[in-house]
């Protein structure tokens, strides 16, 4: 599977390059802010923002939703005493 991962990253890089080229040749030339003069800035900030949201959601949801491997195996009376599913403390 390592080859597939490399292909995905190459495809992503190719799509981003095509989008920058399209922006350079077809974007509306009226700039309101200094960062709008940089070709591909909207693409970069959008990609970084989406990536940041995915990472933040993964970290936050992992802490909220993940349970121990034997969470459903333990007896409710064992949970109150601090024992795991095997009766160990």
PDB file of N, CA and C in Angstrom:
ATOM      1  N   UNK A   1       0.788  -1.215   0.000  1.00  0.00           N
ATOM      2  CA  UNK A   1       0.000   0.000   0.000  1.00  0.00           C
ATOM      3  C   UNK A   1       0.831   1.282   0.000  1.00  0.00           C
ATOM      4  N   UNK A   2       2.141   1.255   0.289  1.00  0.00           N
ATOM      5  CA  UNK A   2       2.899   2.506   0.279  1.00  0.00           C
ATOM      6  C   UNK A   2       2.871   3.205  -1.075  1.00  0.00           C
ATOM      7  N   UNK A   3       2.804   2.448  -2.163  1.00  0.00           N
ATOM      8  CA  UNK A   3       2.740   3.056  -3.489  1.00  0.00           C
ATOM      9  C   UNK A   3       1.462   3.838  -3.703  1.00  0.00           C
ATOM     10  N   UNK A   4       0.356   3.349  -3.141  1.00  0.00           N
ATOM     11  CA  UNK A   4      -0.924   4.048  -3.282  1.00  0.00           C
ATOM     12  C   UNK A   4      -0.907   5.375  -2.550  1.00  0.00           C
ATOM     13  N   UNK A   5      -0.267   5.401  -1.389  1.00  0.00           N
ATOM     14  CA  UNK A   5      -0.193   6.642  -0.621  1.00  0.00           C
ATOM     15  C   UNK A   5       0.621   7.688  -1.389  1.00  0.00           C
ATOM     16  N   UNK A   6       1.692   7.245  -2.006  1.00  0.00           N
ATOM     17  CA  UNK A   6       2.516   8.158  -2.791  1.00  0.00           C
ATOM     18  C   UNK A   6       1.734   8.699  -3.984  1.00  0.00           C
ATOM     19  N   UNK A   7       0.937   7.837  -4.614  1.00  0.00           N
ATOM     20  CA  UNK A   7       0.121   8.276  -5.747  1.00  0.00           C
ATOM     21  C   UNK A   7      -0.909   9.315  -5.330  1.00  0.00           C
ATOM     22  N   UNK A   8      -1.489   9.127  -4.152  1.00  0.00           N
ATOM     23  CA  UNK A   8      -2.485  10.085  -3.663  1.00  0.00           C
ATOM     24  C   UNK A   8      -1.839  11.447  -3.447  1.00  0.00           C
ATOM     25  N   UNK A   9      -0.646  11.465  -2.841  1.00  0.00           N
ATOM     26  CA  UNK A   9       0.040  12.740  -2.616  1.00  0.00           C
ATOM     27  C   UNK A   9       0.462  13.389  -3.931  1.00  0.00           C
ATOM     28  N   UNK A  10       0.896  12.589  -4.886  1.00  0.00           N
ATOM     29  CA  UNK A  10       1.245  13.147  -6.198  1.00  0.00           C
ATOM     30  C   UNK A  10       0.016  13.712  -6.901  1.00  0.00           C
ATOM     31  N   UNK A  11      -1.104  13.011  -6.812  1.00  0.00           N
ATOM     32  CA  UNK A  11      -2.346  13.507  -7.403  1.00  0.00           C
ATOM     33  C   UNK A  11      -2.782  14.807  -6.722  1.00  0.00           C
ATOM     34  N   UNK A  12      -2.665  14.863  -5.400  1.00  0.00           N
ATOM     35  CA  UNK A  12      -3.021  16.077  -4.666  1.00  0.00           C
ATOM     36  C   UNK A  12      -2.129  17.243  -5.085  1.00  0.00           C
ATOM     37  N   UNK A  13      -0.834  16.997  -5.211  1.00  0.00           N
ATOM     38  CA  UNK A  13       0.089  18.047  -5.647  1.00  0.00           C
ATOM     39  C   UNK A  13      -0.234  18.511  -7.063  1.00  0.00           C
ATOM     40  N   UNK A  14      -0.586  17.578  -7.938  1.00  0.00           N
ATOM     41  CA  UNK A  14      -0.936  17.936  -9.311  1.00  0.00           C
ATOM     42  C   UNK A  14      -2.202  18.787  -9.355  1.00  0.00           C
ATOM     43  N   UNK A  15      -3.199  18.415  -8.576  1.00  0.00           N
ATOM     44  CA  UNK A  15      -4.447  19.185  -8.529  1.00  0.00           C
ATOM     45  C   UNK A  15      -4.180  20.592  -8.000  1.00  0.00           C
ATOM     46  N   UNK A  16      -3.355  20.694  -6.962  1.00  0.00           N
ATOM     47  CA  UNK A  16      -3.036  22.016  -6.407  1.00  0.00           C
ATOM     48  C   UNK A  16      -2.281  22.865  -7.432  1.00  0.00           C
ATOM     49  N   UNK A  17      -1.359  22.262  -8.171  1.00  0.00           N
ATOM     50  CA  UNK A  17      -0.611  22.999  -9.198  1.00  0.00           C
ATOM     51  C   UNK A  17      -1.540  23.492 -10.302  1.00  0.00           C
ATOM     52  N   UNK A  18      -2.459  22.645 -10.734  1.00  0.00           N
ATOM     53  CA  UNK A  18      -3.426  23.051 -11.756  1.00  0.00           C
ATOM     54  C   UNK A  18      -4.299  24.191 -11.244  1.00  0.00           C
ATOM     55  N   UNK A  19      -4.711  24.123  -9.982  1.00  0.00           N
ATOM     56  CA  UNK A  19      -5.551  25.193  -9.426  1.00  0.00           C
ATOM     57  C   UNK A  19      -4.799  26.523  -9.349  1.00  0.00           C
ATOM     58  N   UNK A  20      -3.512  26.481  -9.014  1.00  0.00           N
ATOM     59  CA  UNK A  20      -2.718  27.716  -8.992  1.00  0.00           C
ATOM     60  C   UNK A  20      -2.599  28.287 -10.393  1.00  0.00           C
ATOM     61  N   UNK A  21      -2.357  27.437 -11.376  1.00  0.00           N
ATOM     62  CA  UNK A  21      -2.256  27.903 -12.764  1.00  0.00           C
ATOM     63  C   UNK A  21      -3.574  28.519 -13.225  1.00  0.00           C
ATOM     64  N   UNK A  22      -4.684  27.871 -12.896  1.00  0.00           N
ATOM     65  CA  UNK A  22      -5.997  28.418 -13.258  1.00  0.00           C
ATOM     66  C   UNK A  22      -6.216  29.764 -12.582  1.00  0.00           C
ATOM     67  N   UNK A  23      -5.816  29.880 -11.319  1.00  0.00           N
ATOM     68  CA  UNK A  23      -5.998  31.146 -10.616  1.00  0.00           C
ATOM     69  C   UNK A  23      -5.153  32.254 -11.234  1.00  0.00           C
ATOM     70  N   UNK A  24      -3.924  31.926 -11.622  1.00  0.00           N
ATOM     71  CA  UNK A  24      -3.038  32.934 -12.211  1.00  0.00           C
ATOM     72  C   UNK A  24      -3.618  33.467 -13.525  1.00  0.00           C
ATOM     73  N   UNK A  25      -4.146  32.581 -14.359  1.00  0.00           N
ATOM     74  CA  UNK A  25      -4.609  33.009 -15.679  1.00  0.00           C
ATOM     75  C   UNK A  25      -6.060  33.471 -15.728  1.00  0.00           C
ATOM     76  N   UNK A  26      -6.907  33.001 -14.815  1.00  0.00           N
ATOM     77  CA  UNK A  26      -8.332  33.297 -14.938  1.00  0.00           C
ATOM     78  C   UNK A  26      -8.948  34.037 -13.750  1.00  0.00           C
ATOM     79  N   UNK A  27      -8.172  34.362 -12.720  1.00  0.00           N
ATOM     80  CA  UNK A  27      -8.731  35.047 -11.551  1.00  0.00           C
ATOM     81  C   UNK A  27      -9.014  36.511 -11.871  1.00  0.00           C
ATOM     82  N   UNK A  28      -9.973  37.046 -11.177  1.00  0.00           N
ATOM     83  CA  UNK A  28     -10.332  38.445 -11.330  1.00  0.00           C
ATOM     84  C   UNK A  28      -9.190  39.302 -10.778  1.00  0.00           C
ATOM     85  N   UNK A  29      -8.662  40.253 -11.532  1.00  0.00           N
ATOM     86  CA  UNK A  29      -7.445  40.959 -11.129  1.00  0.00           C
ATOM     87  C   UNK A  29      -7.620  42.091 -10.115  1.00  0.00           C
ATOM     88  N   UNK A  30      -8.782  42.300  -9.560  1.00  0.00           N
ATOM     89  CA  UNK A  30      -8.955  43.371  -8.580  1.00  0.00           C
ATOM     90  C   UNK A  30      -8.625  42.851  -7.185  1.00  0.00           C
ATOM     91  N   UNK A  31      -7.517  43.347  -6.650  1.00  0.00           N
ATOM     92  CA  UNK A  31      -7.065  42.886  -5.338  1.00  0.00           C
ATOM     93  C   UNK A  31      -7.464  43.889  -4.273  1.00  0.00           C
ATOM     94  N   UNK A  32      -7.969  43.377  -3.157  1.00  0.00           N
ATOM     95  CA  UNK A  32      -8.366  44.244  -2.060  1.00  0.00           C
ATOM     96  C   UNK A  32      -7.368  44.196  -0.907  1.00  0.00           C
ATOM     97  N   UNK A  33      -6.685  43.085  -0.754  1.00  0.00           N
ATOM     98  CA  UNK A  33      -5.703  42.924   0.313  1.00  0.00           C
ATOM     99  C   UNK A  33      -4.374  42.479  -0.281  1.00  0.00           C
ATOM    100  N   UNK A  34      -3.297  42.721   0.437  1.00  0.00           N
ATOM    101  CA  UNK A  34      -1.972  42.424  -0.081  1.00  0.00           C
ATOM    102  C   UNK A  34      -1.775  40.931  -0.323  1.00  0.00           C
ATOM    103  N   UNK A  35      -2.377  40.084   0.516  1.00  0.00           N
ATOM    104  CA  UNK A  35      -2.187  38.646   0.342  1.00  0.00           C
ATOM    105  C   UNK A  35      -2.934  38.105  -0.881  1.00  0.00           C
ATOM    106  N   UNK A  36      -3.869  38.848  -1.396  1.00  0.00           N
ATOM    107  CA  UNK A  36      -4.564  38.423  -2.612  1.00  0.00           C
ATOM    108  C   UNK A  36      -3.688  38.522  -3.852  1.00  0.00           C
ATOM    109  N   UNK A  37      -2.552  39.206  -3.769  1.00  0.00           N
ATOM    110  CA  UNK A  37      -1.651  39.307  -4.912  1.00  0.00           C
ATOM    111  C   UNK A  37      -0.795  38.047  -5.072  1.00  0.00           C
ATOM    112  N   UNK A  38      -0.713  37.221  -4.059  1.00  0.00           N
ATOM    113  CA  UNK A  38       0.091  35.996  -4.126  1.00  0.00           C
ATOM    114  C   UNK A  38      -0.709  34.902  -4.831  1.00  0.00           C
ATOM    115  N   UNK A  39      -0.202  34.383  -5.936  1.00  0.00           N
ATOM    116  CA  UNK A  39      -0.933  33.327  -6.645  1.00  0.00           C
ATOM    117  C   UNK A  39      -1.068  32.067  -5.788  1.00  0.00           C
ATOM    118  N   UNK A  40      -2.267  31.559  -5.709  1.00  0.00           N
ATOM    119  CA  UNK A  40      -2.505  30.322  -4.967  1.00  0.00           C
ATOM    120  C   UNK A  40      -2.737  30.518  -3.484  1.00  0.00           C
ATOM    121  N   UNK A  41      -2.807  31.755  -3.004  1.00  0.00           N
ATOM    122  CA  UNK A  41      -2.976  31.980  -1.567  1.00  0.00           C
ATOM    123  C   UNK A  41      -4.298  31.409  -1.068  1.00  0.00           C
ATOM    124  N   UNK A  42      -5.364  31.622  -1.810  1.00  0.00           N
ATOM    125  CA  UNK A  42      -6.670  31.097  -1.395  1.00  0.00           C
ATOM    126  C   UNK A  42      -6.654  29.575  -1.323  1.00  0.00           C
ATOM    127  N   UNK A  43      -5.978  28.947  -2.269  1.00  0.00           N
ATOM    128  CA  UNK A  43      -5.841  27.493  -2.272  1.00  0.00           C
ATOM    129  C   UNK A  43      -5.057  27.024  -1.050  1.00  0.00           C
ATOM    130  N   UNK A  44      -3.960  27.686  -0.758  1.00  0.00           N
ATOM    131  CA  UNK A  44      -3.111  27.296   0.375  1.00  0.00           C
ATOM    132  C   UNK A  44      -3.842  27.491   1.694  1.00  0.00           C
ATOM    133  N   UNK A  45      -4.482  28.626   1.880  1.00  0.00           N
ATOM    134  CA  UNK A  45      -5.164  28.900   3.145  1.00  0.00           C
ATOM    135  C   UNK A  45      -6.373  27.981   3.316  1.00  0.00           C
ATOM    136  N   UNK A  46      -7.052  27.656   2.234  1.00  0.00           N
ATOM    137  CA  UNK A  46      -8.172  26.720   2.312  1.00  0.00           C
ATOM    138  C   UNK A  46      -7.714  25.318   2.672  1.00  0.00           C
ATOM    139  N   UNK A  47      -6.637  24.859   2.045  1.00  0.00           N
ATOM    140  CA  UNK A  47      -6.109  23.529   2.325  1.00  0.00           C
ATOM    141  C   UNK A  47      -5.598  23.454   3.762  1.00  0.00           C
ATOM    142  N   UNK A  48      -4.864  24.458   4.199  1.00  0.00           N
ATOM    143  CA  UNK A  48      -4.335  24.472   5.569  1.00  0.00           C
ATOM    144  C   UNK A  48      -5.467  24.531   6.594  1.00  0.00           C
ATOM    145  N   UNK A  49      -6.487  25.311   6.319  1.00  0.00           N
ATOM    146  CA  UNK A  49      -7.619  25.394   7.232  1.00  0.00           C
ATOM    147  C   UNK A  49      -8.379  24.086   7.343  1.00  0.00           C
ATOM    148  N   UNK A  50      -8.611  23.441   6.214  1.00  0.00           N
ATOM    149  CA  UNK A  50      -9.310  22.155   6.233  1.00  0.00           C
ATOM    150  C   UNK A  50      -8.474  21.102   6.958  1.00  0.00           C
ATOM    151  N   UNK A  51      -7.172  21.078   6.684  1.00  0.00           N
ATOM    152  CA  UNK A  51      -6.280  20.129   7.347  1.00  0.00           C
ATOM    153  C   UNK A  51      -6.268  20.373   8.860  1.00  0.00           C
ATOM    154  N   UNK A  52      -6.214  21.641   9.255  1.00  0.00           N
ATOM    155  CA  UNK A  52      -6.231  21.981  10.681  1.00  0.00           C
ATOM    156  C   UNK A  52      -7.523  21.549  11.359  1.00  0.00           C
ATOM    157  N   UNK A  53      -8.651  21.725  10.684  1.00  0.00           N
ATOM    158  CA  UNK A  53      -9.930  21.292  11.251  1.00  0.00           C
ATOM    159  C   UNK A  53      -9.990  19.782  11.410  1.00  0.00           C
ATOM    160  N   UNK A  54      -9.464  19.048  10.440  1.00  0.00           N
ATOM    161  CA  UNK A  54      -9.457  17.585  10.531  1.00  0.00           C
ATOM    162  C   UNK A  54      -8.601  17.128  11.705  1.00  0.00           C
ATOM    163  N   UNK A  55      -7.408  17.702  11.847  1.00  0.00           N
ATOM    164  CA  UNK A  55      -6.514  17.324  12.946  1.00  0.00           C
ATOM    165  C   UNK A  55      -7.129  17.700  14.290  1.00  0.00           C
ATOM    166  N   UNK A  56      -7.685  18.886  14.404  1.00  0.00           N
ATOM    167  CA  UNK A  56      -8.305  19.314  15.662  1.00  0.00           C
ATOM    168  C   UNK A  56      -9.487  18.428  16.028  1.00  0.00           C
ATOM    169  N   UNK A  57     -10.303  18.084  15.055  1.00  0.00           N
ATOM    170  CA  UNK A  57     -11.448  17.212  15.320  1.00  0.00           C
ATOM    171  C   UNK A  57     -10.983  15.826  15.732  1.00  0.00           C
ATOM    172  N   UNK A  58      -9.926  15.343  15.100  1.00  0.00           N
ATOM    173  CA  UNK A  58      -9.416  14.016  15.442  1.00  0.00           C
ATOM    174  C   UNK A  58      -8.895  13.991  16.872  1.00  0.00           C
ATOM    175  N   UNK A  59      -8.156  15.003  17.270  1.00  0.00           N
ATOM    176  CA  UNK A  59      -7.617  15.062  18.629  1.00  0.00           C
ATOM    177  C   UNK A  59      -8.742  15.216  19.647  1.00  0.00           C
ATOM    178  N   UNK A  60      -9.665  16.135  19.395  1.00  0.00           N
ATOM    179  CA  UNK A  60     -10.747  16.381  20.345  1.00  0.00           C
ATOM    180  C   UNK A  60     -11.674  15.173  20.452  1.00  0.00           C
ATOM    181  N   UNK A  61     -12.051  14.599  19.330  1.00  0.00           N
ATOM    182  CA  UNK A  61     -12.968  13.461  19.357  1.00  0.00           C
ATOM    183  C   UNK A  61     -12.308  12.217  19.933  1.00  0.00           C
ATOM    184  N   UNK A  62     -11.015  12.059  19.745  1.00  0.00           N
ATOM    185  CA  UNK A  62     -10.326  10.903  20.327  1.00  0.00           C
ATOM    186  C   UNK A  62     -10.402  10.956  21.844  1.00  0.00           C
ATOM    187  N   UNK A  63     -10.229  12.120  22.413  1.00  0.00           N
ATOM    188  CA  UNK A  63     -10.291  12.254  23.873  1.00  0.00           C
ATOM    189  C   UNK A  63     -11.711  12.082  24.400  1.00  0.00           C
ATOM    190  N   UNK A  64     -12.697  12.494  23.630  1.00  0.00           N
ATOM    191  CA  UNK A  64     -14.081  12.404  24.085  1.00  0.00           C
ATOM    192  C   UNK A  64     -14.705  11.024  23.860  1.00  0.00           C
ATOM    193  N   UNK A  65     -14.356  10.360  22.767  1.00  0.00           N
ATOM    194  CA  UNK A  65     -15.086   9.172  22.363  1.00  0.00           C
ATOM    195  C   UNK A  65     -14.355   7.847  22.556  1.00  0.00           C
ATOM    196  N   UNK A  66     -13.042   7.847  22.609  1.00  0.00           N
ATOM    197  CA  UNK A  66     -12.331   6.577  22.713  1.00  0.00           C
ATOM    198  C   UNK A  66     -12.434   6.013  24.124  1.00  0.00           C
ATOM    199  N   UNK A  67     -12.600   4.706  24.191  1.00  0.00           N
ATOM    200  CA  UNK A  67     -12.672   3.982  25.451  1.00  0.00           C
ATOM    201  C   UNK A  67     -11.580   2.928  25.489  1.00  0.00           C
ATOM    202  N   UNK A  68     -11.359   2.338  26.663  1.00  0.00           N
ATOM    203  CA  UNK A  68     -10.388   1.261  26.788  1.00  0.00           C
ATOM    204  C   UNK A  68     -10.825   0.082  25.926  1.00  0.00           C
ATOM    205  N   UNK A  69      -9.874  -0.759  25.585  1.00  0.00           N
ATOM    206  CA  UNK A  69     -10.165  -1.890  24.710  1.00  0.00           C
ATOM    207  C   UNK A  69     -11.198  -2.832  25.324  1.00  0.00           C
ATOM    208  N   UNK A  70     -11.182  -3.006  26.626  1.00  0.00           N
ATOM    209  CA  UNK A  70     -12.108  -3.927  27.294  1.00  0.00           C
ATOM    210  C   UNK A  70     -13.277  -3.184  27.960  1.00  0.00           C
ATOM    211  N   UNK A  71     -13.636  -2.031  27.454  1.00  0.00           N
ATOM    212  CA  UNK A  71     -14.676  -1.197  28.059  1.00  0.00           C
ATOM    213  C   UNK A  71     -16.011  -1.927  28.161  1.00  0.00           C
ATOM    214  N   UNK A  72     -16.399  -2.641  27.122  1.00  0.00           N
ATOM    215  CA  UNK A  72     -17.697  -3.305  27.110  1.00  0.00           C
ATOM    216  C   UNK A  72     -17.663  -4.685  27.756  1.00  0.00           C
ATOM    217  N   UNK A  73     -16.478  -5.192  28.058  1.00  0.00           N
ATOM    218  CA  UNK A  73     -16.347  -6.518  28.657  1.00  0.00           C
ATOM    219  C   UNK A  73     -16.478  -6.507  30.174  1.00  0.00           C
ATOM    220  N   UNK A  74     -16.293  -5.356  30.794  1.00  0.00           N
ATOM    221  CA  UNK A  74     -16.271  -5.339  32.257  1.00  0.00           C
ATOM    222  C   UNK A  74     -17.689  -5.338  32.838  1.00  0.00           C
ATOM    223  N   UNK A  75     -17.787  -5.904  34.026  1.00  0.00           N
ATOM    224  CA  UNK A  75     -19.037  -5.966  34.771  1.00  0.00           C
ATOM    225  C   UNK A  75     -19.245  -4.611  35.451  1.00  0.00           C
ATOM    226  N   UNK A  76     -20.463  -4.079  35.504  1.00  0.00           N
ATOM    227  CA  UNK A  76     -20.677  -2.775  36.138  1.00  0.00           C
ATOM    228  C   UNK A  76     -20.199  -2.732  37.590  1.00  0.00           C
ATOM    229  N   UNK A  77     -20.298  -3.855  38.311  1.00  0.00           N
ATOM    230  CA  UNK A  77     -19.817  -3.861  39.694  1.00  0.00           C
ATOM    231  C   UNK A  77     -18.292  -3.774  39.734  1.00  0.00           C
ATOM    232  N   UNK A  78     -17.604  -4.312  38.701  1.00  0.00           N
ATOM    233  CA  UNK A  78     -16.161  -4.217  38.628  1.00  0.00           C
ATOM    234  C   UNK A  78     -15.739  -2.778  38.332  1.00  0.00           C
ATOM    235  N   UNK A  79     -16.547  -2.069  37.560  1.00  0.00           N
ATOM    236  CA  UNK A  79     -16.195  -0.691  37.208  1.00  0.00           C
ATOM    237  C   UNK A  79     -16.196   0.182  38.454  1.00  0.00           C
ATOM    238  N   UNK A  80     -17.104  -0.055  39.366  1.00  0.00           N
ATOM    239  CA  UNK A  80     -17.153   0.739  40.588  1.00  0.00           C
ATOM    240  C   UNK A  80     -15.964   0.445  41.483  1.00  0.00           C
ATOM    241  N   UNK A  81     -15.466  -0.801  41.453  1.00  0.00           N
ATOM    242  CA  UNK A  81     -14.339  -1.161  42.311  1.00  0.00           C
ATOM    243  C   UNK A  81     -12.998  -0.916  41.631  1.00  0.00           C
ATOM    244  N   UNK A  82     -13.002  -0.497  40.349  1.00  0.00           N
ATOM    245  CA  UNK A  82     -11.755  -0.212  39.661  1.00  0.00           C
ATOM    246  C   UNK A  82     -11.120  -1.418  38.998  1.00  0.00           C
ATOM    247  N   UNK A  83     -11.849  -2.524  38.903  1.00  0.00           N
ATOM    248  CA  UNK A  83     -11.308  -3.732  38.280  1.00  0.00           C
ATOM    249  C   UNK A  83     -11.573  -3.697  36.778  1.00  0.00           C
ATOM    250  N   UNK A  84     -10.697  -4.382  36.013  1.00  0.00           N
ATOM    251  CA  UNK A  84     -10.942  -4.490  34.585  1.00  0.00           C
ATOM    252  C   UNK A  84     -11.796  -5.715  34.296  1.00  0.00           C
ATOM    253  N   UNK A  85     -11.994  -6.088  33.032  1.00  0.00           N
ATOM    254  CA  UNK A  85     -12.858  -7.191  32.655  1.00  0.00           C
ATOM    255  C   UNK A  85     -12.380  -8.551  33.138  1.00  0.00           C
ATOM    256  N   UNK A  86     -11.084  -8.687  33.475  1.00  0.00           N
ATOM    257  CA  UNK A  86     -10.530  -9.955  33.924  1.00  0.00           C
ATOM    258  C   UNK A  86     -10.546 -10.082  35.444  1.00  0.00           C
ATOM    259  N   UNK A  87     -11.062  -9.090  36.134  1.00  0.00           N
ATOM    260  CA  UNK A  87     -11.094  -9.124  37.601  1.00  0.00           C
ATOM    261  C   UNK A  87      -9.842  -8.574  38.230  1.00  0.00           C
ATOM    262  N   UNK A  88      -8.945  -8.029  37.427  1.00  0.00           N
ATOM    263  CA  UNK A  88      -7.698  -7.453  37.946  1.00  0.00           C
ATOM    264  C   UNK A  88      -7.913  -5.998  38.327  1.00  0.00           C
ATOM    265  N   UNK A  89      -7.229  -5.581  39.350  1.00  0.00           N
ATOM    266  CA  UNK A  89      -7.343  -4.194  39.786  1.00  0.00           C
ATOM    267  C   UNK A  89      -6.476  -3.279  38.969  1.00  0.00           C
TER     268      UNK A  89
END
